[in-house]
C-alpha atoms as a PDB file:
ATOM      1  CA  MET A   1       0.000   0.000   0.000  1.00  0.00           C
ATOM      2  CA  PRO A   2       1.267   3.507  -0.697  1.00  0.00           C
ATOM      3  CA  SER A   3       2.154   5.405   2.475  1.00  0.00           C
ATOM      4  CA  GLY A   4       1.527   8.884   1.105  1.00  0.00           C
ATOM      5  CA  ASN A   5       5.303   9.169   0.875  1.00  0.00           C
ATOM      6  CA  ALA A   6       6.693   8.533  -2.620  1.00  0.00           C
ATOM      7  CA  ASN A   7       9.875   7.214  -1.027  1.00  0.00           C
ATOM      8  CA  GLU A   8       8.157   4.461   0.969  1.00  0.00           C
ATOM      9  CA  LEU A   9       6.089   1.357   0.338  1.00  0.00           C
ATOM     10  CA  VAL A  10       4.246  -0.012   3.383  1.00  0.00           C
ATOM     11  CA  LEU A  11       3.126  -3.656   3.346  1.00  0.00           C
ATOM     12  CA  PRO A  12       0.793  -5.198   5.955  1.00  0.00           C
ATOM     13  CA  THR A  13       2.449  -8.191   7.635  1.00  0.00           C
ATOM     14  CA  VAL A  14       1.094 -11.089   9.685  1.00  0.00           C
ATOM     15  CA  ILE A  15       3.507 -12.578  12.244  1.00  0.00           C
ATOM     16  CA  ARG A  16       2.687 -15.827  14.057  1.00  0.00           C
ATOM     17  CA  ASP A  17       4.652 -16.599  17.189  1.00  0.00           C
ATOM     18  CA  PHE A  18       5.453 -20.208  18.165  1.00  0.00           C
ATOM     19  CA  GLN A  19       6.858 -21.806  21.273  1.00  0.00           C
ATOM     20  CA  ILE A  20      10.260 -23.479  21.310  1.00  0.00           C
ATOM     21  CA  ALA A  21       8.471 -26.757  22.079  1.00  0.00           C
ATOM     22  CA  HIS A  22       6.792 -26.872  18.655  1.00  0.00           C
ATOM     23  CA  PRO A  23       8.242 -29.916  16.818  1.00  0.00           C
ATOM     24  CA  ASP A  24       9.293 -27.905  13.727  1.00  0.00           C
ATOM     25  CA  PHE A  25      11.089 -25.158  15.694  1.00  0.00           C
ATOM     26  CA  GLN A  26      14.556 -25.429  17.247  1.00  0.00           C
ATOM     27  CA  PHE A  27      14.585 -28.876  15.611  1.00  0.00           C
ATOM     28  CA  THR A  28      17.416 -29.403  13.132  1.00  0.00           C
ATOM     29  CA  ILE A  29      19.500 -27.396  10.648  1.00  0.00           C
ATOM     30  CA  GLY A  30      19.832 -27.839   6.897  1.00  0.00           C
ATOM     31  CA  THR A  31      18.661 -26.658   3.483  1.00  0.00           C
ATOM     32  CA  ASP A  32      15.333 -28.316   2.707  1.00  0.00           C
ATOM     33  CA  LYS A  33      13.865 -27.756  -0.749  1.00  0.00           C
ATOM     34  CA  ASN A  34      10.426 -28.980  -1.804  1.00  0.00           C
ATOM     35  CA  ILE A  35       8.759 -28.687   1.599  1.00  0.00           C
ATOM     36  CA  VAL A  36       5.832 -26.978  -0.123  1.00  0.00           C
ATOM     37  CA  ALA A  37       3.889 -27.838  -3.267  1.00  0.00           C
ATOM     38  CA  ALA A  38       4.134 -25.741  -6.423  1.00  0.00           C
ATOM     39  CA  THR A  39       0.682 -24.169  -5.973  1.00  0.00           C
ATOM     40  CA  LEU A  40      -1.011 -22.532  -2.992  1.00  0.00           C
ATOM     41  CA  GLY A  41      -4.050 -24.240  -1.530  1.00  0.00           C
ATOM     42  CA  THR A  42      -7.603 -23.005  -1.929  1.00  0.00           C
ATOM     43  CA  ASP A  43      -7.170 -21.004   1.294  1.00  0.00           C
ATOM     44  CA  GLY A  44      -4.147 -19.176  -0.124  1.00  0.00           C
ATOM     45  CA  LYS A  45      -1.689 -20.991   2.163  1.00  0.00           C
ATOM     46  CA  PRO A  46       1.317 -23.210   1.320  1.00  0.00           C
ATOM     47  CA  VAL A  47       0.527 -26.901   0.873  1.00  0.00           C
ATOM     48  CA  TYR A  48       2.841 -29.455   2.500  1.00  0.00           C
ATOM     49  CA  ALA A  49       4.245 -31.455  -0.409  1.00  0.00           C
ATOM     50  CA  ASN A  50       4.823 -34.747   1.435  1.00  0.00           C
ATOM     51  CA  ALA A  51       1.375 -35.393   2.879  1.00  0.00           C
ATOM     52  CA  SER A  52       2.213 -38.858   4.161  1.00  0.00           C
ATOM     53  CA  GLY A  53       5.769 -38.251   5.350  1.00  0.00           C
ATOM     54  CA  THR A  54       8.309 -35.716   6.594  1.00  0.00           C
ATOM     55  CA  THR A  55      11.267 -33.709   5.273  1.00  0.00           C
ATOM     56  CA  PRO A  56      14.754 -33.276   6.769  1.00  0.00           C
ATOM     57  CA  THR A  57      13.723 -30.179   8.793  1.00  0.00           C
ATOM     58  CA  THR A  58       9.962 -30.688   9.262  1.00  0.00           C
ATOM     59  CA  THR A  59       7.939 -33.306  11.096  1.00  0.00           C
ATOM     60  CA  GLY A  60       4.871 -33.773   8.908  1.00  0.00           C
ATOM     61  CA  GLN A  61       1.831 -32.110   7.429  1.00  0.00           C
ATOM     62  CA  ALA A  62      -0.161 -31.661  10.640  1.00  0.00           C
ATOM     63  CA  ASN A  63       2.587 -29.596  12.265  1.00  0.00           C
ATOM     64  CA  PHE A  64       3.435 -27.662   9.093  1.00  0.00           C
ATOM     65  CA  ASP A  65      -0.204 -26.715   8.536  1.00  0.00           C
ATOM     66  CA  GLN A  66       0.005 -24.658  11.747  1.00  0.00           C
ATOM     67  CA  TRP A  67       2.725 -22.342  10.443  1.00  0.00           C
ATOM     68  CA  TYR A  68       0.488 -19.894   8.557  1.00  0.00           C
ATOM     69  CA  ARG A  69      -2.884 -20.592  10.163  1.00  0.00           C
ATOM     70  CA  ASP A  70      -4.160 -19.468  13.552  1.00  0.00           C
ATOM     71  CA  VAL A  71      -4.292 -22.399  15.979  1.00  0.00           C
ATOM     72  CA  THR A  72      -5.481 -21.846  19.531  1.00  0.00           C
ATOM     73  CA  GLY A  73      -2.723 -22.593  22.035  1.00  0.00           C
ATOM     74  CA  THR A  74      -0.153 -23.278  19.296  1.00  0.00           C
ATOM     75  CA  ASN A  75       0.550 -19.844  17.854  1.00  0.00           C
ATOM     76  CA  PHE A  76      -0.101 -16.193  18.626  1.00  0.00           C
ATOM     77  CA  THR A  77      -0.871 -13.731  15.822  1.00  0.00           C
ATOM     78  CA  VAL A  78       0.612 -10.227  15.641  1.00  0.00           C
ATOM     79  CA  LEU A  79      -0.365  -7.744  12.897  1.00  0.00           C
ATOM     80  CA  GLN A  80       2.372  -5.358  11.802  1.00  0.00           C
ATOM     81  CA  SER A  81       3.539  -3.379   8.780  1.00  0.00           C
ATOM     82  CA  MET A  82       6.804  -3.501   6.870  1.00  0.00           C
ATOM     83  CA  THR A  83       8.174  -0.291   5.332  1.00  0.00           C
ATOM     84  CA  LEU A  84      10.246  -0.582   2.164  1.00  0.00           C
ATOM     85  CA  THR A  85      12.379   2.493   1.487  1.00  0.00           C
ATOM     86  CA  LYS A  86      13.175   3.772  -2.000  1.00  0.00           C
ATOM     87  CA  LEU A  87      16.838   3.297  -2.937  1.00  0.00           C
ATOM     88  CA  PRO A  88      18.837   5.778  -5.054  1.00  0.00           C
ATOM     89  CA  THR A  89      18.607   3.229  -7.888  1.00  0.00           C
ATOM     90  CA  GLY A  90      14.789   3.279  -7.744  1.00  0.00           C
ATOM     91  CA  GLU A  91      14.018  -0.048  -6.071  1.00  0.00           C
ATOM     92  CA  PHE A  92      12.106  -0.317  -2.803  1.00  0.00           C
ATOM     93  CA  GLN A  93      13.818  -2.310  -0.065  1.00  0.00           C
ATOM     94  CA  PHE A  94      13.280  -3.561   3.473  1.00  0.00           C
ATOM     95  CA  ASN A  95      16.629  -4.662   4.911  1.00  0.00           C
ATOM     96  CA  ASP A  96      17.050  -5.901   8.475  1.00  0.00           C
ATOM     97  CA  SER A  97      19.953  -8.138   9.488  1.00  0.00           C
ATOM     98  CA  ASP A  98      18.508  -8.280  12.997  1.00  0.00           C
ATOM     99  CA  TYR A  99      14.903  -9.156  12.145  1.00  0.00           C
ATOM    100  CA  PHE A 100      13.161  -9.923  15.425  1.00  0.00           C
ATOM    101  CA  PRO A 101       9.816  -8.118  15.063  1.00  0.00           C
ATOM    102  CA  ILE A 102       8.034  -9.670  18.064  1.00  0.00           C
ATOM    103  CA  ASP A 103      10.561  -9.590  20.910  1.00  0.00           C
ATOM    104  CA  GLY A 104       8.586  -9.805  24.130  1.00  0.00           C
ATOM    105  CA  LEU A 105       5.281 -10.397  22.327  1.00  0.00           C
ATOM    106  CA  GLY A 106       3.160 -13.493  21.867  1.00  0.00           C
ATOM    107  CA  PHE A 107       4.590 -16.295  23.964  1.00  0.00           C
ATOM    108  CA  GLY A 108       7.554 -14.070  24.829  1.00  0.00           C
ATOM    109  CA  ASN A 109      11.249 -14.803  24.404  1.00  0.00           C
ATOM    110  CA  GLU A 110      11.065 -18.006  26.503  1.00  0.00           C
ATOM    111  CA  GLY A 111      14.376 -17.333  28.246  1.00  0.00           C
ATOM    112  CA  ASN A 112      16.214 -16.308  25.063  1.00  0.00           C
ATOM    113  CA  PRO A 113      17.558 -12.794  24.438  1.00  0.00           C
ATOM    114  CA  ARG A 114      15.266 -12.542  21.372  1.00  0.00           C
ATOM    115  CA  ASN A 115      12.059 -14.165  20.138  1.00  0.00           C
ATOM    116  CA  PHE A 116      13.538 -16.603  17.623  1.00  0.00           C
ATOM    117  CA  HIS A 117      10.490 -18.689  16.669  1.00  0.00           C
ATOM    118  CA  PHE A 118       7.896 -17.173  14.345  1.00  0.00           C
ATOM    119  CA  THR A 119       6.556 -17.084  10.802  1.00  0.00           C
ATOM    120  CA  SER A 120       5.677 -14.066   8.656  1.00  0.00           C
ATOM    121  CA  GLU A 121       3.293 -13.538   5.752  1.00  0.00           C
ATOM    122  CA  VAL A 122       3.298 -10.553   3.380  1.00  0.00           C
ATOM    123  CA  ARG A 123       0.745 -10.144   0.570  1.00  0.00           C
ATOM    124  CA  TYR A 124       0.737  -7.519  -2.164  1.00  0.00           C
ATOM    125  CA  TRP A 125      -1.456  -6.895  -5.214  1.00  0.00           C
ATOM    126  CA  PHE A 126       0.141  -5.458  -8.329  1.00  0.00           C
ATOM    127  CA  GLU A 127      -0.833  -4.590 -11.880  1.00  0.00           C
ATOM    128  CA  TYR A 128       1.403  -6.593 -14.198  1.00  0.00           C
ATOM    129  CA  LYS A 129       3.306  -4.413 -16.667  1.00  0.00           C
ATOM    130  CA  GLY A 130       6.269  -6.650 -17.440  1.00  0.00           C
ATOM    131  CA  GLY A 131       9.780  -6.711 -16.027  1.00  0.00           C
ATOM    132  CA  GLU A 132       8.887  -6.542 -12.323  1.00  0.00           C
ATOM    133  CA  THR A 133      11.708  -7.863 -10.131  1.00  0.00           C
ATOM    134  CA  LEU A 134      11.722  -9.348  -6.641  1.00  0.00           C
ATOM    135  CA  ASP A 135      14.907 -10.260  -4.761  1.00  0.00           C
ATOM    136  CA  PHE A 136      15.070 -11.824  -1.324  1.00  0.00           C
ATOM    137  CA  THR A 137      17.932 -12.568   1.047  1.00  0.00           C
ATOM    138  CA  GLY A 138      17.182 -14.123   4.401  1.00  0.00           C
ATOM    139  CA  ASP A 139      16.595 -17.037   6.712  1.00  0.00           C
ATOM    140  CA  ASP A 140      15.236 -19.453   7.548  1.00  0.00           C
ATOM    141  CA  ASP A 141      12.542 -20.734   5.153  1.00  0.00           C
ATOM    142  CA  VAL A 142      11.319 -18.347   2.441  1.00  0.00           C
ATOM    143  CA  TRP A 143       8.760 -19.069  -0.255  1.00  0.00           C
ATOM    144  CA  VAL A 144       7.494 -16.543  -2.791  1.00  0.00           C
ATOM    145  CA  PHE A 145       4.336 -17.202  -4.797  1.00  0.00           C
ATOM    146  CA  VAL A 146       3.160 -15.293  -7.869  1.00  0.00           C
ATOM    147  CA  LYS A 147      -0.457 -15.837  -8.890  1.00  0.00           C
ATOM    148  CA  LYS A 148      -0.541 -18.735  -6.357  1.00  0.00           C
ATOM    149  CA  GLN A 149       2.447 -20.426  -8.066  1.00  0.00           C
ATOM    150  CA  LEU A 150       5.818 -21.057  -6.427  1.00  0.00           C
ATOM    151  CA  ALA A 151       8.497 -18.703  -7.744  1.00  0.00           C
ATOM    152  CA  ILE A 152      11.206 -18.913  -5.027  1.00  0.00           C
ATOM    153  CA  ASP A 153      12.037 -21.843  -2.724  1.00  0.00           C
ATOM    154  CA  LEU A 154      14.543 -21.186   0.070  1.00  0.00           C
ATOM    155  CA  GLY A 155      13.196 -23.858   2.392  1.00  0.00           C
ATOM    156  CA  GLY A 156      15.062 -25.136   5.414  1.00  0.00           C
ATOM    157  CA  VAL A 157      16.832 -23.915   8.536  1.00  0.00           C
ATOM    158  CA  HIS A 158      19.977 -22.166   7.327  1.00  0.00           C
ATOM    159  CA  GLY A 159      21.967 -18.965   7.219  1.00  0.00           C
ATOM    160  CA  ALA A 160      20.955 -16.161   4.891  1.00  0.00           C
ATOM    161  CA  GLN A 161      20.325 -17.348   1.334  1.00  0.00           C
ATOM    162  CA  SER A 162      19.361 -15.342  -1.755  1.00  0.00           C
ATOM    163  CA  ALA A 163      17.072 -15.796  -4.739  1.00  0.00           C
ATOM    164  CA  GLY A 164      15.117 -13.625  -7.148  1.00  0.00           C
ATOM    165  CA  ILE A 165      12.502 -13.583  -9.866  1.00  0.00           C
ATOM    166  CA  VAL A 166      12.106 -11.321 -12.905  1.00  0.00           C
ATOM    167  CA  LEU A 167       8.636 -11.263 -14.446  1.00  0.00           C
ATOM    168  CA  HIS A 168       9.770 -10.965 -18.059  1.00  0.00           C
ATOM    169  CA  ALA A 169       7.967 -12.433 -21.058  1.00  0.00           C
ATOM    170  CA  ALA A 170       9.085 -16.007 -20.391  1.00  0.00           C
ATOM    171  CA  ALA A 171       7.978 -15.786 -16.751  1.00  0.00           C
ATOM    172  CA  ALA A 172       4.668 -14.309 -17.848  1.00  0.00           C
ATOM    173  CA  THR A 173       4.073 -17.361 -19.986  1.00  0.00           C
ATOM    174  CA  SER A 174       5.066 -19.693 -17.161  1.00  0.00           C
ATOM    175  CA  PHE A 175       2.847 -18.002 -14.548  1.00  0.00           C
ATOM    176  CA  GLY A 176       0.021 -17.108 -16.937  1.00  0.00           C
ATOM    177  CA  LEU A 177       0.372 -13.340 -16.499  1.00  0.00           C
ATOM    178  CA  VAL A 178      -1.314 -10.853 -18.823  1.00  0.00           C
ATOM    179  CA  ILE A 179      -0.261  -7.227 -19.207  1.00  0.00           C
ATOM    180  CA  GLY A 180      -2.690  -4.933 -17.385  1.00  0.00           C
ATOM    181  CA  GLU A 181      -4.190  -7.631 -15.167  1.00  0.00           C
ATOM    182  CA  VAL A 182      -3.912  -7.544 -11.358  1.00  0.00           C
ATOM    183  CA  TYR A 183      -2.235 -10.393  -9.458  1.00  0.00           C
ATOM    184  CA  GLU A 184      -1.105 -11.236  -5.953  1.00  0.00           C
ATOM    185  CA  ILE A 185       2.454 -11.874  -4.840  1.00  0.00           C
ATOM    186  CA  VAL A 186       2.965 -13.514  -1.430  1.00  0.00           C
ATOM    187  CA  VAL A 187       6.121 -13.914   0.665  1.00  0.00           C
ATOM    188  CA  PHE A 188       6.035 -16.595   3.376  1.00  0.00           C
ATOM    189  CA  GLN A 189       8.979 -16.676   5.788  1.00  0.00           C
ATOM    190  CA  ALA A 190       9.823 -18.680   8.916  1.00  0.00           C
ATOM    191  CA  GLU A 191      12.409 -18.087  11.627  1.00  0.00           C
ATOM    192  CA  ARG A 192      12.814 -21.485  13.291  1.00  0.00           C
ATOM    193  CA  HIS A 193      16.158 -21.577  15.094  1.00  0.00           C
ATOM    194  CA  THR A 194      18.615 -19.494  17.044  1.00  0.00           C
ATOM    195  CA  THR A 195      20.671 -17.366  16.613  1.00  0.00           C
ATOM    196  CA  GLU A 196      20.321 -15.121  13.520  1.00  0.00           C
ATOM    197  CA  SER A 197      17.431 -13.617  11.589  1.00  0.00           C
ATOM    198  CA  ASN A 198      17.898 -11.774   8.292  1.00  0.00           C
ATOM    199  CA  TYR A 199      15.202 -10.304   6.064  1.00  0.00           C
ATOM    200  CA  ARG A 200      15.945  -8.278   2.920  1.00  0.00           C
ATOM    201  CA  LEU A 201      13.128  -7.808   0.418  1.00  0.00           C
ATOM    202  CA  THR A 202      13.742  -5.704  -2.706  1.00  0.00           C
ATOM    203  CA  LEU A 203      10.979  -4.823  -5.174  1.00  0.00           C
ATOM    204  CA  SER A 204      11.329  -3.108  -8.515  1.00  0.00           C
ATOM    205  CA  GLY A 205       8.412  -2.274 -10.810  1.00  0.00           C
ATOM    206  CA  PHE A 206       5.716  -3.411  -8.366  1.00  0.00           C
ATOM    207  CA  THR A 207       4.885   0.064  -7.108  1.00  0.00           C
ATOM    208  CA  SER A 208       2.826   1.516  -9.964  1.00  0.00           C
ATOM    209  CA  LEU A 209      -0.495   1.019  -8.158  1.00  0.00           C
ATOM    210  CA  THR A 210      -4.047   1.843  -9.151  1.00  0.00           C
ATOM    211  CA  SER A 211      -6.733   3.021  -6.746  1.00  0.00           C
ATOM    212  CA  SER A 212      -7.962  -0.584  -6.447  1.00  0.00           C
ATOM    213  CA  CYS A 213      -4.887  -1.519  -4.433  1.00  0.00           C
ATOM    214  CA  VAL A 214      -5.361   1.459  -2.120  1.00  0.00           C
ATOM    215  CA  SER A 215      -8.940   0.306  -1.536  1.00  0.00           C
ATOM    216  CA  VAL A 216      -7.767  -3.191  -0.652  1.00  0.00           C
ATOM    217  CA  SER A 217      -5.332  -1.814   1.918  1.00  0.00           C
ATOM    218  CA  ALA A 218      -8.002   0.393   3.475  1.00  0.00           C
ATOM    219  CA  THR A 219     -10.241  -2.659   3.832  1.00  0.00           C
ATOM    220  CA  MET A 220      -7.429  -4.487   5.581  1.00  0.00           C
ATOM    221  CA  MET A 221      -6.930  -1.744   8.120  1.00  0.00           C
ATOM    222  CA  ARG A 222     -10.667  -1.443   8.844  1.00  0.00           C
ATOM    223  CA  SER A 223     -10.755  -5.184   9.457  1.00  0.00           C
ATOM    224  CA  PHE A 224      -7.752  -4.926  11.814  1.00  0.00           C
ATOM    225  CA  SER A 225      -9.289  -2.154  13.888  1.00  0.00           C
ATOM    226  CA  SER A 226     -12.681  -3.852  14.244  1.00  0.00           C
ATOM    227  CA  SER A 227     -11.230  -7.133  15.476  1.00  0.00           C
ATOM    228  CA  PRO A 228     -10.418  -8.150  19.084  1.00  0.00           C
ATOM    229  CA  LEU A 229      -6.795  -6.987  19.127  1.00  0.00           C
ATOM    230  CA  HIS A 230      -4.182  -6.196  21.728  1.00  0.00           C
ATOM    231  CA  ASP A 231      -2.650  -2.854  20.657  1.00  0.00           C
ATOM    232  CA  THR A 232       1.105  -3.196  21.089  1.00  0.00           C
ATOM    233  CA  GLY A 233       2.180  -0.014  19.356  1.00  0.00           C
ATOM    234  CA  PRO A 234       1.590   2.139  16.289  1.00  0.00           C
ATOM    235  CA  GLN A 235       2.767  -0.529  13.841  1.00  0.00           C
ATOM    236  CA  SER A 236       1.972  -3.705  15.757  1.00  0.00           C
ATOM    237  CA  MET A 237      -1.310  -5.240  16.853  1.00  0.00           C
ATOM    238  CA  ALA A 238      -1.503  -8.662  18.498  1.00  0.00           C
ATOM    239  CA  LEU A 239      -4.516 -10.935  18.353  1.00  0.00           C
ATOM    240  CA  ARG A 240      -5.469 -13.138  21.234  1.00  0.00           C
ATOM    241  CA  PRO A 241      -4.440 -16.717  20.414  1.00  0.00           C
ATOM    242  CA  GLY A 242      -7.046 -18.387  18.254  1.00  0.00           C
ATOM    243  CA  THR A 243      -9.393 -15.419  17.837  1.00  0.00           C
ATOM    244  CA  ALA A 244     -11.466 -15.069  14.701  1.00  0.00           C
ATOM    245  CA  GLY A 245     -12.019 -11.775  12.911  1.00  0.00           C
ATOM    246  CA  ALA A 246      -8.751 -10.354  11.587  1.00  0.00           C
ATOM    247  CA  ARG A 247      -6.721 -13.520  11.919  1.00  0.00           C
ATOM    248  CA  GLU A 248      -7.006 -14.320   8.205  1.00  0.00           C
ATOM    249  CA  VAL A 249      -7.333 -10.726   6.960  1.00  0.00           C
ATOM    250  CA  LEU A 250      -4.442 -11.066   4.518  1.00  0.00           C
ATOM    251  CA  SER A 251      -5.823 -14.167   2.828  1.00  0.00           C
ATOM    252  CA  GLY A 252      -8.695 -14.160   0.380  1.00  0.00           C
ATOM    253  CA  LEU A 253      -8.615 -10.440  -0.386  1.00  0.00           C
ATOM    254  CA  THR A 254      -9.364  -9.286  -3.915  1.00  0.00           C
ATOM    255  CA  PRO A 255      -8.840  -5.838  -5.415  1.00  0.00           C
ATOM    256  CA  SER A 256     -11.829  -3.522  -5.473  1.00  0.00           C
ATOM    257  CA  ALA A 257     -12.959  -2.034  -8.749  1.00  0.00           C
ATOM    258  CA  ALA A 258     -10.921   1.002  -9.712  1.00  0.00           C
END
């Protein structure tokens, strides 16, 4: 969503806090591709690719399905925003090599100096014009979906890794993109192990928005404010564990008519 400042791009973000005791957190370390299927599920969430088994760093579908869904007693949802700043070269970037957005929130730090166990979800609608670029560097797991299709897979518990996607003509064919149409791009991230957390998201060409995207963002914020939230600051609102209302605000949204 535009911030009213031409040098900033503000994206609503959903953080879900987990306890150290969750089987997929503070578990094991290693790169782990193909945790998720190539297409998002009907609810707009990642689908565990190995429904009847496990992967090197995850313990099965039932536990994975909790990562990006609100589950009473298992996770705690915090609503925040992420501000991308315009670089001299024209791109918009959020860059934090010390990305711990919910220290002291949710289940707390559980005896650690930081809150190391959480997932994040960022959704953004854009009008496809051709040549849009997304680059990500971070840890641990990161998956980027364009039009519900997997574009970047940095799965696993690891140090900062990098990947990118350019939506040129060949990518448009692959993802089924049409010039002038509006699509959703989604970044799912998980921080699952001590002791580092890096998050660098760079967008180029995604910022030429129509009024429909502004309307979507306004709807989001109205939904946030009308839900049973704990206000934890000007850019952070925490839901009670398992509450309805705003807990799935960022999924299922469609642009309003311009």
